[in-house]
């Protein structure tokens, strides 16, 4: 299961307001993910590219996901309400992520 909200707002910015994956998206004792959340980030980058936004987007994330956001190349840009942190994915980092994730896409 995957929940999220993708929105296009003023100033021609794309926002991934949140996303969450359910615990059953994990497998094994090591707690490794099946790349469900990363798939949504990939989709967000592809949507941004299709809107001529060069892969850029903004994410409002819970404090517990800071490590993941920074691992994939996002930069914290401040605090938001409700305890959320605001992150930005630059066009350069988006293209790196998109290129590295492409190998996980099944095209059938």
Protein backbone atom coordinates (compact mmCIF):
# COMPACT_ATOMS: atom_id res chain seq x y z
CA UNK A 1 0.00 0.00 0.00
CA UNK A 2 1.18 3.47 -0.84
CA UNK A 3 -0.42 6.74 0.17
CA UNK A 4 0.60 10.16 -1.04
CA UNK A 5 -0.48 13.46 -2.48
CA UNK A 6 1.09 15.09 -5.51
CA UNK A 7 0.02 18.66 -6.27
CA UNK A 8 0.90 21.42 -8.71
CA UNK A 9 0.64 24.87 -7.17
CA UNK A 10 1.36 28.55 -7.55
CA UNK A 11 4.72 29.63 -8.88
CA UNK A 12 4.67 26.49 -11.05
CA UNK A 13 5.98 24.18 -8.33
CA UNK A 14 5.30 20.50 -7.93
CA UNK A 15 4.78 19.26 -4.38
CA UNK A 16 4.87 15.73 -3.06
CA UNK A 17 3.03 16.70 0.10
CA UNK A 18 3.58 13.37 1.77
CA UNK A 19 3.98 9.72 1.08
CA UNK A 20 3.83 6.67 3.28
CA UNK A 21 4.29 3.00 2.65
CA UNK A 22 2.60 0.30 4.68
CA UNK A 23 4.66 -2.08 6.85
CA UNK A 24 3.90 -5.04 4.59
CA UNK A 25 6.01 -3.36 1.88
CA UNK A 26 9.02 -4.61 3.86
CA UNK A 27 10.37 -8.11 3.69
CA UNK A 28 12.94 -10.26 5.51
CA UNK A 29 14.46 -9.72 8.90
CA UNK A 30 16.76 -6.95 7.69
CA UNK A 31 13.75 -4.69 7.02
CA UNK A 32 14.79 -3.98 3.44
CA UNK A 33 12.30 -2.07 1.35
CA UNK A 34 10.91 -3.10 -2.00
CA UNK A 35 11.51 0.42 -3.30
CA UNK A 36 7.84 1.39 -3.07
CA UNK A 37 8.49 4.93 -1.81
CA UNK A 38 11.38 5.40 -4.22
CA UNK A 39 9.01 4.45 -7.03
CA UNK A 40 6.79 7.35 -6.04
CA UNK A 41 9.79 9.70 -6.00
CA UNK A 42 10.68 8.42 -9.49
CA UNK A 43 7.09 9.05 -10.66
CA UNK A 44 7.22 12.56 -9.14
CA UNK A 45 10.46 13.32 -11.00
CA UNK A 46 8.98 12.01 -14.27
CA UNK A 47 5.87 14.15 -13.70
CA UNK A 48 8.05 17.18 -13.02
CA UNK A 49 9.95 16.55 -16.25
CA UNK A 50 6.69 16.25 -18.20
CA UNK A 51 5.59 19.64 -16.79
CA UNK A 52 8.89 21.22 -17.95
CA UNK A 53 10.02 21.64 -14.33
CA UNK A 54 13.32 19.80 -14.96
CA UNK A 55 12.68 17.12 -12.32
CA UNK A 56 12.46 19.56 -9.43
CA UNK A 57 9.89 19.19 -6.68
CA UNK A 58 9.26 19.99 -3.01
CA UNK A 59 8.49 17.41 -0.32
CA UNK A 60 6.99 17.90 3.13
CA UNK A 61 8.37 15.05 5.21
CA UNK A 62 8.06 13.76 8.76
CA UNK A 63 11.15 14.14 10.88
CA UNK A 64 11.79 10.40 10.79
CA UNK A 65 12.34 10.42 7.04
CA UNK A 66 15.13 13.01 7.03
CA UNK A 67 17.82 10.39 6.50
CA UNK A 68 16.04 8.94 3.46
CA UNK A 69 15.42 12.38 1.91
CA UNK A 70 19.05 13.38 2.27
CA UNK A 71 20.26 9.97 1.03
CA UNK A 72 18.42 10.43 -2.27
CA UNK A 73 19.84 13.93 -2.73
CA UNK A 74 17.16 16.21 -1.31
CA UNK A 75 18.17 19.33 0.62
CA UNK A 76 16.31 20.53 3.74
CA UNK A 77 14.96 24.05 3.24
CA UNK A 78 13.26 24.62 6.58
CA UNK A 79 10.48 23.59 8.89
CA UNK A 80 6.83 23.43 7.93
CA UNK A 81 3.75 23.21 10.10
CA UNK A 82 2.61 20.08 11.94
CA UNK A 83 6.22 19.02 12.57
CA UNK A 84 6.98 18.49 8.90
CA UNK A 85 10.29 19.37 7.29
CA UNK A 86 10.47 20.97 3.86
CA UNK A 87 12.87 19.40 1.34
CA UNK A 88 13.80 20.38 -2.20
CA UNK A 89 14.92 18.06 -5.00
CA UNK A 90 17.10 20.01 -7.44
CA UNK A 91 17.14 19.25 -11.14
CA UNK A 92 20.70 17.87 -10.96
CA UNK A 93 19.92 15.49 -8.09
CA UNK A 94 16.60 14.52 -9.69
CA UNK A 95 18.33 13.43 -12.88
CA UNK A 96 20.86 11.39 -10.89
CA UNK A 97 18.07 9.68 -8.93
CA UNK A 98 15.98 9.09 -12.07
CA UNK A 99 18.94 7.54 -13.88
CA UNK A 100 19.88 5.25 -10.99
CA UNK A 101 16.29 4.13 -10.35
CA UNK A 102 15.48 3.42 -14.00
CA UNK A 103 17.00 -0.08 -13.75
CA UNK A 104 14.17 -1.06 -11.37
CA UNK A 105 11.43 -0.17 -13.87
CA UNK A 106 9.72 -3.09 -15.55
CA UNK A 107 8.55 -2.25 -19.05
CA UNK A 108 6.08 -4.86 -20.25
